[in-house]
Amino acid sequence: MRLDRWFKSHFPGLGFGQLQKLVRTGQVRVDGGRAKTDTRVAAGQKIRIPPLGVDPKKIEKQAPKKVSNDDRSAIEAMVLYEDKDLMVLNKPAGLAVQGGSGTTRHIDGMLNAFADKSGDKPRLVHRLDKDTAGCLIVAKSRKSAQALTKAFRSRSARKVYWALVKGVPKPRQGKISTYLAKEEGGEKMAIVRHGEDDAQHAMTYYSVVDNAGQNLAWLSLKPVTGRTHQLRAHTAHIGHPILGDPKYFDIENWELPGGMQKKLHLLARRIIIPHPTRSGKLDVTAPLPPHMQQSWNLLGFDTSDYDPEDDEAEV
């Protein structure tokens, strides 16, 4: 089980943001060593827990969380694919996947509406940034969650993103390989050197699908790794930041073309992953969100002519 899920099970009153801070500052340790929220923990390991102000003995006495029929209806409206093992949701831009500081409505909380009598509910197996739209997989059982998580960790899942960026990358197909680490005291990821504190390798393949002159380009992006803000940081690193990105688009005196909304133009377009309980692969595609469809219409980009299986840069 992931460390953050262990805490959620044993200390449901502890917010995810608070847990992240405790882990980041080394106050939570597993078998005496520093850990991360996605560290896997197993029976027999020792978890050091600092004073939390949350009494685990009172868990059973807590009032059950209120479940909203609106949440259930909203999730059902997002479903792109569903079977007995999982759901693939079309997450709208602007809706967070998990809670954090100041975030009260999020996918993880909305999934409470699907909890059974024992309180077991569908589980997140990966994440998307709040402002990124598109394919999000949710497992319906622990067994499915374990299989899907393993697929993501072993990189047997293939993800294709679409983005609208400033300028046209040269060459039109290529690879971006860097090390990323969180900026000290900030919310952005910075390009760092191998060996620096918390540096993690990040690799992305990109391909220009179409372009509007030399001003804008429609990119197909294939992340090999899954680091925080990877695609946003990588496109900015090569000088072609994603339109509407409040964190990484920092080009002075550049104006958004008329008729386009100032929202992040990034879509988790397609996901291909081994099915958790049967042979074969799951292959699901998400449509452009309204703000990106508006931009595609303005630029005359036609999604019907594009088959990412044939045209994208290969790993």
C-alpha atoms as a PDB file:
ATOM      1  CA  MET A   1       0.000   0.000   0.000  1.00  0.00           C
ATOM      2  CA  ARG A   2       1.199   3.528  -0.720  1.00  0.00           C
ATOM      3  CA  LEU A   3       2.181   5.531   2.355  1.00  0.00           C
ATOM      4  CA  ASP A   4      -0.414   8.238   1.659  1.00  0.00           C
ATOM      5  CA  ARG A   5      -3.152   5.583   1.447  1.00  0.00           C
ATOM      6  CA  TRP A   6      -1.961   4.050   4.732  1.00  0.00           C
ATOM      7  CA  PHE A   7      -2.288   7.439   6.421  1.00  0.00           C
ATOM      8  CA  LYS A   8      -5.703   8.005   4.857  1.00  0.00           C
ATOM      9  CA  SER A   9      -6.869   4.666   6.226  1.00  0.00           C
ATOM     10  CA  HIS A  10      -5.472   5.186   9.735  1.00  0.00           C
ATOM     11  CA  PHE A  11      -5.665   8.986  10.074  1.00  0.00           C
ATOM     12  CA  PRO A  12      -8.579  10.158   7.876  1.00  0.00           C
ATOM     13  CA  GLY A  13      -8.574  13.548   9.569  1.00  0.00           C
ATOM     14  CA  LEU A  14      -5.098  14.356   8.238  1.00  0.00           C
ATOM     15  CA  GLY A  15      -5.193  16.414   5.040  1.00  0.00           C
ATOM     16  CA  PHE A  16      -3.087  15.392   2.037  1.00  0.00           C
ATOM     17  CA  GLY A  17      -1.301  18.748   1.997  1.00  0.00           C
ATOM     18  CA  GLN A  18      -0.428  18.406   5.686  1.00  0.00           C
ATOM     19  CA  LEU A  19       0.901  14.892   5.085  1.00  0.00           C
ATOM     20  CA  GLN A  20       3.022  16.117   2.148  1.00  0.00           C
ATOM     21  CA  LYS A  21       4.614  18.737   4.403  1.00  0.00           C
ATOM     22  CA  LEU A  22       5.352  16.174   7.136  1.00  0.00           C
ATOM     23  CA  VAL A  23       6.924  13.804   4.608  1.00  0.00           C
ATOM     24  CA  ARG A  24       8.879  16.549   2.835  1.00  0.00           C
ATOM     25  CA  THR A  25      10.399  17.762   6.128  1.00  0.00           C
ATOM     26  CA  GLY A  26      11.397  14.229   7.160  1.00  0.00           C
ATOM     27  CA  GLN A  27       9.014  13.960  10.119  1.00  0.00           C
ATOM     28  CA  VAL A  28       7.514  10.736   8.745  1.00  0.00           C
ATOM     29  CA  ARG A  29       9.963   7.852   8.383  1.00  0.00           C
ATOM     30  CA  VAL A  30       9.655   4.239   7.246  1.00  0.00           C
ATOM     31  CA  ASP A  31      12.055   1.786   8.933  1.00  0.00           C
ATOM     32  CA  GLY A  32      14.090   4.783  10.040  1.00  0.00           C
ATOM     33  CA  GLY A  33      14.562   6.244   6.560  1.00  0.00           C
ATOM     34  CA  ARG A  34      13.041   9.231   4.804  1.00  0.00           C
ATOM     35  CA  ALA A  35      10.008   8.425   2.684  1.00  0.00           C
ATOM     36  CA  LYS A  36       7.737   9.917   0.060  1.00  0.00           C
ATOM     37  CA  THR A  37       3.964   9.888  -0.167  1.00  0.00           C
ATOM     38  CA  ASP A  38       4.161   7.193  -2.872  1.00  0.00           C
ATOM     39  CA  THR A  39       6.565   4.985  -0.900  1.00  0.00           C
ATOM     40  CA  ARG A  40       5.200   1.440  -0.716  1.00  0.00           C
ATOM     41  CA  VAL A  41       4.747   0.084   2.808  1.00  0.00           C
ATOM     42  CA  ALA A  42       4.217  -3.551   3.797  1.00  0.00           C
ATOM     43  CA  ALA A  43       3.322  -5.550   6.878  1.00  0.00           C
ATOM     44  CA  GLY A  44       6.137  -5.599   9.433  1.00  0.00           C
ATOM     45  CA  GLN A  45       7.598  -2.198   8.574  1.00  0.00           C
ATOM     46  CA  LYS A  46       7.833   0.527  11.214  1.00  0.00           C
ATOM     47  CA  ILE A  47       6.324   3.921  10.424  1.00  0.00           C
ATOM     48  CA  ARG A  48       7.390   6.852  12.574  1.00  0.00           C
ATOM     49  CA  ILE A  49       4.464   9.208  13.092  1.00  0.00           C
ATOM     50  CA  PRO A  50       4.985  12.692  14.582  1.00  0.00           C
ATOM     51  CA  PRO A  51       2.283  14.307  16.749  1.00  0.00           C
ATOM     52  CA  LEU A  52      -0.635  14.891  14.385  1.00  0.00           C
ATOM     53  CA  GLY A  53      -3.443  16.123  16.589  1.00  0.00           C
ATOM     54  CA  VAL A  54      -5.556  13.280  15.195  1.00  0.00           C
ATOM     55  CA  ASP A  55      -6.480  10.373  17.479  1.00  0.00           C
ATOM     56  CA  PRO A  56      -6.716   7.100  15.515  1.00  0.00           C
ATOM     57  CA  LYS A  57      -8.842   5.596  18.318  1.00  0.00           C
ATOM     58  CA  LYS A  58     -11.589   8.056  17.476  1.00  0.00           C
ATOM     59  CA  ILE A  59     -11.870   7.025  13.838  1.00  0.00           C
ATOM     60  CA  GLU A  60     -14.848   4.738  14.407  1.00  0.00           C
ATOM     61  CA  LYS A  61     -16.663   7.464  16.340  1.00  0.00           C
ATOM     62  CA  GLN A  62     -16.390   9.984  13.540  1.00  0.00           C
ATOM     63  CA  ALA A  63     -19.588  10.866  11.749  1.00  0.00           C
ATOM     64  CA  PRO A  64     -19.706   9.353   8.269  1.00  0.00           C
ATOM     65  CA  LYS A  65     -18.830  11.728   5.462  1.00  0.00           C
ATOM     66  CA  LYS A  66     -21.791  13.246   3.731  1.00  0.00           C
ATOM     67  CA  VAL A  67     -22.300  11.762   0.315  1.00  0.00           C
ATOM     68  CA  SER A  68     -23.764  13.931  -2.398  1.00  0.00           C
ATOM     69  CA  ASN A  69     -25.947  12.588  -5.190  1.00  0.00           C
ATOM     70  CA  ASP A  70     -24.607  15.524  -7.205  1.00  0.00           C
ATOM     71  CA  ASP A  71     -21.089  14.101  -6.833  1.00  0.00           C
ATOM     72  CA  ARG A  72     -22.220  10.702  -8.079  1.00  0.00           C
ATOM     73  CA  SER A  73     -24.023  12.240 -11.045  1.00  0.00           C
ATOM     74  CA  ALA A  74     -21.009  14.413 -11.872  1.00  0.00           C
ATOM     75  CA  ILE A  75     -18.640  11.428 -11.859  1.00  0.00           C
ATOM     76  CA  GLU A  76     -21.040   9.333 -13.951  1.00  0.00           C
ATOM     77  CA  ALA A  77     -21.189  12.149 -16.519  1.00  0.00           C
ATOM     78  CA  MET A  78     -17.379  12.007 -16.830  1.00  0.00           C
ATOM     79  CA  VAL A  79     -17.191   8.262 -17.622  1.00  0.00           C
ATOM     80  CA  LEU A  80     -15.493   7.438 -20.925  1.00  0.00           C
ATOM     81  CA  TYR A  81     -15.256   3.717 -20.202  1.00  0.00           C
ATOM     82  CA  GLU A  82     -16.407   1.465 -17.345  1.00  0.00           C
ATOM     83  CA  ASP A  83     -16.404  -2.216 -16.412  1.00  0.00           C
ATOM     84  CA  LYS A  84     -16.481  -4.162 -13.139  1.00  0.00           C
ATOM     85  CA  ASP A  85     -12.812  -3.397 -12.438  1.00  0.00           C
ATOM     86  CA  LEU A  86     -12.320   0.258 -13.319  1.00  0.00           C
ATOM     87  CA  MET A  87     -13.596   3.539 -14.698  1.00  0.00           C
ATOM     88  CA  VAL A  88     -11.827   5.893 -17.069  1.00  0.00           C
ATOM     89  CA  LEU A  89     -12.996   9.445 -16.451  1.00  0.00           C
ATOM     90  CA  ASN A  90     -12.813  12.510 -18.666  1.00  0.00           C
ATOM     91  CA  LYS A  91     -11.579  14.889 -15.962  1.00  0.00           C
ATOM     92  CA  PRO A  92     -12.575  18.480 -16.687  1.00  0.00           C
ATOM     93  CA  ALA A  93      -9.975  21.235 -16.563  1.00  0.00           C
ATOM     94  CA  GLY A  94     -10.091  23.125 -13.260  1.00  0.00           C
ATOM     95  CA  LEU A  95     -11.185  20.176 -11.095  1.00  0.00           C
ATOM     96  CA  ALA A  96      -8.519  18.853  -8.731  1.00  0.00           C
ATOM     97  CA  VAL A  97      -7.835  15.129  -8.465  1.00  0.00           C
ATOM     98  CA  GLN A  98      -6.996  15.262  -4.748  1.00  0.00           C
ATOM     99  CA  GLY A  99      -7.519  17.670  -1.892  1.00  0.00           C
ATOM    100  CA  GLY A 100      -4.933  20.182  -0.786  1.00  0.00           C
ATOM    101  CA  SER A 101      -4.649  23.598   0.760  1.00  0.00           C
ATOM    102  CA  GLY A 102      -7.875  25.461  -0.004  1.00  0.00           C
ATOM    103  CA  THR A 103      -9.244  22.648  -2.200  1.00  0.00           C
ATOM    104  CA  THR A 104     -12.597  21.335  -1.028  1.00  0.00           C
ATOM    105  CA  ARG A 105     -14.046  19.730  -4.166  1.00  0.00           C
ATOM    106  CA  HIS A 106     -11.965  17.087  -5.903  1.00  0.00           C
ATOM    107  CA  ILE A 107     -12.290  13.727  -7.666  1.00  0.00           C
ATOM    108  CA  ASP A 108     -11.049  11.699  -4.689  1.00  0.00           C
ATOM    109  CA  GLY A 109     -13.686  13.229  -2.423  1.00  0.00           C
ATOM    110  CA  MET A 110     -16.436  12.857  -5.009  1.00  0.00           C
ATOM    111  CA  LEU A 111     -15.687   9.123  -5.237  1.00  0.00           C
ATOM    112  CA  ASN A 112     -17.053   8.761  -1.692  1.00  0.00           C
ATOM    113  CA  ALA A 113     -20.438   8.686  -3.381  1.00  0.00           C
ATOM    114  CA  PHE A 114     -19.528   5.212  -4.704  1.00  0.00           C
ATOM    115  CA  ALA A 115     -18.437   3.729  -1.348  1.00  0.00           C
ATOM    116  CA  ASP A 116     -19.939   0.403  -0.311  1.00  0.00           C
ATOM    117  CA  LYS A 117     -21.297  -0.470   3.153  1.00  0.00           C
ATOM    118  CA  SER A 118     -17.806  -1.155   4.484  1.00  0.00           C
ATOM    119  CA  GLY A 119     -16.609   2.253   3.292  1.00  0.00           C
ATOM    120  CA  ASP A 120     -14.532   0.837   0.436  1.00  0.00           C
ATOM    121  CA  LYS A 121     -14.579   3.168  -2.566  1.00  0.00           C
ATOM    122  CA  PRO A 122     -12.937   3.456  -6.002  1.00  0.00           C
ATOM    123  CA  ARG A 123      -9.242   4.302  -5.841  1.00  0.00           C
ATOM    124  CA  LEU A 124      -7.068   6.724  -7.770  1.00  0.00           C
ATOM    125  CA  VAL A 125      -4.098   5.028  -9.456  1.00  0.00           C
ATOM    126  CA  HIS A 126      -2.497   8.099 -11.055  1.00  0.00           C
ATOM    127  CA  ARG A 127      -3.021  11.850 -11.136  1.00  0.00           C
ATOM    128  CA  LEU A 128      -3.481  14.815 -13.434  1.00  0.00           C
ATOM    129  CA  ASP A 129      -2.783  18.455 -12.643  1.00  0.00           C
ATOM    130  CA  LYS A 130      -5.866  20.438 -11.663  1.00  0.00           C
ATOM    131  CA  ASP A 131      -5.874  22.423 -14.916  1.00  0.00           C
ATOM    132  CA  THR A 132      -5.169  19.420 -17.171  1.00  0.00           C
ATOM    133  CA  ALA A 133      -8.196  17.750 -18.754  1.00  0.00           C
ATOM    134  CA  GLY A 134      -8.609  14.200 -20.003  1.00  0.00           C
ATOM    135  CA  CYS A 135      -8.188  10.505 -19.223  1.00  0.00           C
ATOM    136  CA  LEU A 136      -8.035   9.586 -15.535  1.00  0.00           C
ATOM    137  CA  ILE A 137      -8.215   5.915 -14.457  1.00  0.00           C
ATOM    138  CA  VAL A 138      -9.978   4.945 -11.236  1.00  0.00           C
ATOM    139  CA  ALA A 139      -9.800   1.359  -9.900  1.00  0.00           C
ATOM    140  CA  LYS A 140     -12.869  -0.223  -8.320  1.00  0.00           C
ATOM    141  CA  SER A 141     -10.984  -2.697  -6.106  1.00  0.00           C
ATOM    142  CA  ARG A 142      -7.666  -3.024  -4.308  1.00  0.00           C
ATOM    143  CA  LYS A 143      -6.654  -5.863  -6.661  1.00  0.00           C
ATOM    144  CA  SER A 144      -7.292  -3.737  -9.747  1.00  0.00           C
ATOM    145  CA  ALA A 145      -5.547  -0.759  -8.155  1.00  0.00           C
ATOM    146  CA  GLN A 146      -2.430  -2.842  -7.464  1.00  0.00           C
ATOM    147  CA  ALA A 147      -2.294  -4.166 -11.040  1.00  0.00           C
ATOM    148  CA  LEU A 148      -2.829  -0.729 -12.585  1.00  0.00           C
ATOM    149  CA  THR A 149      -0.311   0.931 -10.266  1.00  0.00           C
ATOM    150  CA  LYS A 150       2.230  -1.748 -11.208  1.00  0.00           C
ATOM    151  CA  ALA A 151       1.593  -1.006 -14.898  1.00  0.00           C
ATOM    152  CA  PHE A 152       2.266   2.700 -14.362  1.00  0.00           C
ATOM    153  CA  ARG A 153       5.389   2.009 -12.301  1.00  0.00           C
ATOM    154  CA  SER A 154       6.788  -0.440 -14.867  1.00  0.00           C
ATOM    155  CA  ARG A 155       6.013   2.038 -17.677  1.00  0.00           C
ATOM    156  CA  SER A 156       3.878  -0.490 -19.534  1.00  0.00           C
ATOM    157  CA  ALA A 157       1.158   2.176 -19.699  1.00  0.00           C
ATOM    158  CA  ARG A 158       1.338   4.471 -22.742  1.00  0.00           C
ATOM    159  CA  LYS A 159       0.039   8.010 -22.384  1.00  0.00           C
ATOM    160  CA  VAL A 160      -0.501  10.531 -25.166  1.00  0.00           C
ATOM    161  CA  TYR A 161      -1.124  14.205 -24.386  1.00  0.00           C
ATOM    162  CA  TRP A 162      -2.098  17.026 -26.714  1.00  0.00           C
ATOM    163  CA  ALA A 163      -0.921  20.580 -26.121  1.00  0.00           C
ATOM    164  CA  LEU A 164      -0.978  23.959 -27.863  1.00  0.00           C
ATOM    165  CA  VAL A 165       2.353  25.721 -27.467  1.00  0.00           C
ATOM    166  CA  LYS A 166       4.008  28.982 -28.450  1.00  0.00           C
ATOM    167  CA  GLY A 167       6.182  28.661 -31.535  1.00  0.00           C
ATOM    168  CA  VAL A 168       7.124  25.533 -33.479  1.00  0.00           C
ATOM    169  CA  PRO A 169       9.785  23.217 -32.037  1.00  0.00           C
ATOM    170  CA  LYS A 170      12.738  22.251 -34.231  1.00  0.00           C
ATOM    171  CA  PRO A 171      13.155  19.464 -35.048  1.00  0.00           C
ATOM    172  CA  ARG A 172       9.478  18.621 -35.436  1.00  0.00           C
ATOM    173  CA  GLN A 173      10.009  15.340 -33.577  1.00  0.00           C
ATOM    174  CA  GLY A 174      12.362  14.892 -30.684  1.00  0.00           C
ATOM    175  CA  LYS A 175      13.152  13.854 -27.143  1.00  0.00           C
ATOM    176  CA  ILE A 176      13.434  16.018 -24.025  1.00  0.00           C
ATOM    177  CA  SER A 177      15.518  14.462 -21.252  1.00  0.00           C
ATOM    178  CA  THR A 178      16.292  16.399 -18.055  1.00  0.00           C
ATOM    179  CA  TYR A 179      16.326  16.152 -14.288  1.00  0.00           C
ATOM    180  CA  LEU A 180      13.530  17.862 -12.362  1.00  0.00           C
ATOM    181  CA  ALA A 181      13.233  18.956  -8.741  1.00  0.00           C
ATOM    182  CA  LYS A 182      10.761  21.126  -6.877  1.00  0.00           C
ATOM    183  CA  GLU A 183      11.843  24.744  -6.487  1.00  0.00           C
ATOM    184  CA  GLU A 184      12.651  25.551  -2.886  1.00  0.00           C
ATOM    185  CA  GLY A 185       9.660  27.247  -1.294  1.00  0.00           C
ATOM    186  CA  GLY A 186       7.777  27.280  -4.597  1.00  0.00           C
ATOM    187  CA  GLU A 187       5.146  25.343  -6.511  1.00  0.00           C
ATOM    188  CA  LYS A 188       7.111  24.914  -9.735  1.00  0.00           C
ATOM    189  CA  MET A 189       9.483  22.223 -10.934  1.00  0.00           C
ATOM    190  CA  ALA A 190      12.940  23.368 -11.938  1.00  0.00           C
ATOM    191  CA  ILE A 191      15.435  21.865 -14.381  1.00  0.00           C
ATOM    192  CA  VAL A 192      18.382  20.684 -12.267  1.00  0.00           C
ATOM    193  CA  ARG A 193      21.556  18.662 -12.688  1.00  0.00           C
ATOM    194  CA  HIS A 194      21.902  14.977 -11.996  1.00  0.00           C
ATOM    195  CA  GLY A 195      22.905  14.413  -8.381  1.00  0.00           C
ATOM    196  CA  GLU A 196      21.273  17.542  -6.969  1.00  0.00           C
ATOM    197  CA  ASP A 197      18.881  17.143  -4.042  1.00  0.00           C
ATOM    198  CA  ASP A 198      15.602  15.435  -5.016  1.00  0.00           C
ATOM    199  CA  ALA A 199      16.597  15.423  -8.712  1.00  0.00           C
ATOM    200  CA  GLN A 200      14.487  12.948 -10.698  1.00  0.00           C
ATOM    201  CA  HIS A 201      15.060  11.950 -14.299  1.00  0.00           C
ATOM    202  CA  ALA A 202      12.255  12.984 -16.664  1.00  0.00           C
ATOM    203  CA  MET A 203      11.875  12.043 -20.325  1.00  0.00           C
ATOM    204  CA  THR A 204       9.307  13.149 -22.902  1.00  0.00           C
ATOM    205  CA  TYR A 205       8.938  12.474 -26.621  1.00  0.00           C
ATOM    206  CA  TYR A 206       7.186  15.159 -28.663  1.00  0.00           C
ATOM    207  CA  SER A 207       5.887  15.490 -32.204  1.00  0.00           C
ATOM    208  CA  VAL A 208       4.458  18.498 -34.040  1.00  0.00           C
ATOM    209  CA  VAL A 209       1.057  17.471 -35.403  1.00  0.00           C
ATOM    210  CA  ASP A 210       0.175  20.808 -37.025  1.00  0.00           C
ATOM    211  CA  ASN A 211       1.068  24.456 -36.732  1.00  0.00           C
ATOM    212  CA  ALA A 212      -0.350  27.904 -37.387  1.00  0.00           C
ATOM    213  CA  GLY A 213       2.550  29.640 -39.113  1.00  0.00           C
ATOM    214  CA  GLN A 214       5.469  29.984 -36.734  1.00  0.00           C
ATOM    215  CA  ASN A 215       3.330  31.318 -33.881  1.00  0.00           C
ATOM    216  CA  LEU A 216       1.581  28.240 -32.493  1.00  0.00           C
ATOM    217  CA  ALA A 217       1.956  24.472 -32.680  1.00  0.00           C
ATOM    218  CA  TRP A 218      -0.219  21.497 -31.797  1.00  0.00           C
ATOM    219  CA  LEU A 219       2.017  18.935 -30.098  1.00  0.00           C
ATOM    220  CA  SER A 220       1.556  15.272 -29.320  1.00  0.00           C
ATOM    221  CA  LEU A 221       3.494  14.508 -26.139  1.00  0.00           C
ATOM    222  CA  LYS A 222       4.459  11.093 -24.809  1.00  0.00           C
ATOM    223  CA  PRO A 223       5.877  11.124 -21.279  1.00  0.00           C
ATOM    224  CA  VAL A 224       8.100   8.130 -20.556  1.00  0.00           C
ATOM    225  CA  THR A 225       8.340   9.100 -16.887  1.00  0.00           C
ATOM    226  CA  GLY A 226       5.564  10.623 -14.798  1.00  0.00           C
ATOM    227  CA  ARG A 227       7.038  13.518 -12.842  1.00  0.00           C
ATOM    228  CA  THR A 228       5.063  16.415 -11.407  1.00  0.00           C
ATOM    229  CA  HIS A 229       4.443  19.115 -14.062  1.00  0.00           C
ATOM    230  CA  GLN A 230       6.763  17.196 -16.406  1.00  0.00           C
ATOM    231  CA  LEU A 231       5.165  18.199 -19.712  1.00  0.00           C
ATOM    232  CA  ARG A 232       4.642  21.796 -18.638  1.00  0.00           C
ATOM    233  CA  ALA A 233       8.250  22.159 -17.450  1.00  0.00           C
ATOM    234  CA  HIS A 234       9.688  20.331 -20.467  1.00  0.00           C
ATOM    235  CA  THR A 235       7.884  22.372 -23.115  1.00  0.00           C
ATOM    236  CA  ALA A 236       8.904  25.580 -21.342  1.00  0.00           C
ATOM    237  CA  HIS A 237      12.494  24.311 -21.122  1.00  0.00           C
ATOM    238  CA  ILE A 238      12.767  24.006 -24.924  1.00  0.00           C
ATOM    239  CA  GLY A 239      11.294  27.493 -25.371  1.00  0.00           C
ATOM    240  CA  HIS A 240       7.762  26.447 -26.314  1.00  0.00           C
ATOM    241  CA  PRO A 241       5.568  26.791 -23.203  1.00  0.00           C
ATOM    242  CA  ILE A 242       1.961  25.628 -23.189  1.00  0.00           C
ATOM    243  CA  LEU A 243      -0.647  28.333 -23.755  1.00  0.00           C
ATOM    244  CA  GLY A 244      -2.577  29.404 -20.677  1.00  0.00           C
ATOM    245  CA  ASP A 245      -0.063  27.931 -18.216  1.00  0.00           C
ATOM    246  CA  PRO A 246       0.016  30.270 -15.190  1.00  0.00           C
ATOM    247  CA  LYS A 247       3.217  28.746 -13.806  1.00  0.00           C
ATOM    248  CA  TYR A 248       5.502  28.072 -16.769  1.00  0.00           C
ATOM    249  CA  PHE A 249       4.430  30.524 -19.489  1.00  0.00           C
ATOM    250  CA  ASP A 250       6.583  33.518 -18.581  1.00  0.00           C
ATOM    251  CA  ILE A 251       7.321  35.175 -21.922  1.00  0.00           C
ATOM    252  CA  GLU A 252       6.991  38.949 -21.521  1.00  0.00           C
ATOM    253  CA  ASN A 253       4.740  41.049 -23.760  1.00  0.00           C
ATOM    254  CA  TRP A 254       3.213  37.980 -25.413  1.00  0.00           C
ATOM    255  CA  GLU A 255      -0.524  38.195 -25.936  1.00  0.00           C
ATOM    256  CA  LEU A 256      -2.929  35.308 -26.292  1.00  0.00           C
ATOM    257  CA  PRO A 257      -4.496  35.329 -29.775  1.00  0.00           C
ATOM    258  CA  GLY A 258      -7.993  36.820 -29.872  1.00  0.00           C
ATOM    259  CA  GLY A 259     -10.827  34.390 -29.242  1.00  0.00           C
ATOM    260  CA  MET A 260      -8.753  32.003 -27.106  1.00  0.00           C
ATOM    261  CA  GLN A 261      -9.392  31.441 -23.427  1.00  0.00           C
ATOM    262  CA  LYS A 262      -6.572  31.891 -20.929  1.00  0.00           C
ATOM    263  CA  LYS A 263      -6.727  28.300 -19.703  1.00  0.00           C
ATOM    264  CA  LEU A 264      -4.098  25.558 -19.795  1.00  0.00           C
ATOM    265  CA  HIS A 265      -4.135  23.982 -23.251  1.00  0.00           C
ATOM    266  CA  LEU A 266      -3.110  20.489 -22.159  1.00  0.00           C
ATOM    267  CA  LEU A 267      -5.169  17.312 -22.610  1.00  0.00           C
ATOM    268  CA  ALA A 268      -4.488  13.757 -21.444  1.00  0.00           C
ATOM    269  CA  ARG A 269      -5.743  12.603 -24.831  1.00  0.00           C
ATOM    270  CA  ARG A 270      -5.244   8.856 -24.761  1.00  0.00           C
ATOM    271  CA  ILE A 271      -4.203   6.067 -22.416  1.00  0.00           C
ATOM    272  CA  ILE A 272      -3.266   2.508 -23.373  1.00  0.00           C
ATOM    273  CA  ILE A 273      -2.686   0.115 -20.466  1.00  0.00           C
ATOM    274  CA  PRO A 274      -2.867  -3.638 -19.806  1.00  0.00           C
ATOM    275  CA  HIS A 275      -6.279  -4.503 -18.361  1.00  0.00           C
ATOM    276  CA  PRO A 276      -5.910  -5.351 -14.638  1.00  0.00           C
ATOM    277  CA  THR A 277      -7.883  -8.616 -14.650  1.00  0.00           C
ATOM    278  CA  ARG A 278      -8.080  -9.931 -18.200  1.00  0.00           C
ATOM    279  CA  SER A 279      -5.857 -10.302 -21.243  1.00  0.00           C
ATOM    280  CA  GLY A 280      -5.558  -7.471 -23.700  1.00  0.00           C
ATOM    281  CA  LYS A 281      -5.135  -3.752 -23.365  1.00  0.00           C
ATOM    282  CA  LEU A 282      -7.471  -0.921 -22.502  1.00  0.00           C
ATOM    283  CA  ASP A 283      -7.315   1.933 -25.030  1.00  0.00           C
ATOM    284  CA  VAL A 284      -9.357   5.040 -24.216  1.00  0.00           C
ATOM    285  CA  THR A 285      -9.411   8.490 -25.839  1.00  0.00           C
ATOM    286  CA  ALA A 286     -10.751  11.757 -24.397  1.00  0.00           C
ATOM    287  CA  PRO A 287     -12.222  14.592 -26.488  1.00  0.00           C
ATOM    288  CA  LEU A 288     -10.832  18.108 -26.482  1.00  0.00           C
ATOM    289  CA  PRO A 289     -12.216  20.182 -23.584  1.00  0.00           C
ATOM    290  CA  PRO A 290     -14.363  23.179 -24.641  1.00  0.00           C
ATOM    291  CA  HIS A 291     -11.606  25.810 -24.369  1.00  0.00           C
ATOM    292  CA  MET A 292      -9.189  23.727 -26.470  1.00  0.00           C
ATOM    293  CA  GLN A 293     -11.875  22.856 -29.030  1.00  0.00           C
ATOM    294  CA  GLN A 294     -12.507  26.585 -29.395  1.00  0.00           C
ATOM    295  CA  SER A 295      -8.805  27.192 -30.093  1.00  0.00           C
ATOM    296  CA  TRP A 296      -8.602  24.254 -32.530  1.00  0.00           C
ATOM    297  CA  ASN A 297     -11.603  25.676 -34.425  1.00  0.00           C
ATOM    298  CA  LEU A 298     -10.009  29.136 -34.597  1.00  0.00           C
ATOM    299  CA  LEU A 299      -6.754  27.693 -35.929  1.00  0.00           C
ATOM    300  CA  GLY A 300      -8.402  25.280 -38.350  1.00  0.00           C
ATOM    301  CA  PHE A 301      -6.860  22.181 -36.759  1.00  0.00           C
ATOM    302  CA  ASP A 302      -8.744  18.988 -37.658  1.00  0.00           C
ATOM    303  CA  THR A 303      -8.550  16.156 -35.116  1.00  0.00           C
ATOM    304  CA  SER A 304     -10.287  13.683 -37.447  1.00  0.00           C
ATOM    305  CA  ASP A 305      -7.210  13.485 -39.688  1.00  0.00           C
ATOM    306  CA  TYR A 306      -4.837  12.563 -36.894  1.00  0.00           C
ATOM    307  CA  ASP A 307      -4.109   9.030 -35.725  1.00  0.00           C
ATOM    308  CA  PRO A 308      -1.619   9.256 -32.841  1.00  0.00           C
ATOM    309  CA  GLU A 309      -0.680   5.588 -33.198  1.00  0.00           C
ATOM    310  CA  ASP A 310       0.756   6.291 -36.640  1.00  0.00           C
ATOM    311  CA  ASP A 311       1.989   9.869 -36.348  1.00  0.00           C
ATOM    312  CA  GLU A 312       3.433  10.358 -32.891  1.00  0.00           C
ATOM    313  CA  ALA A 313       7.134  10.130 -32.070  1.00  0.00           C
ATOM    314  CA  GLU A 314       8.012   6.615 -30.996  1.00  0.00           C
ATOM    315  CA  VAL A 315       9.868   5.701 -27.788  1.00  0.00           C
END
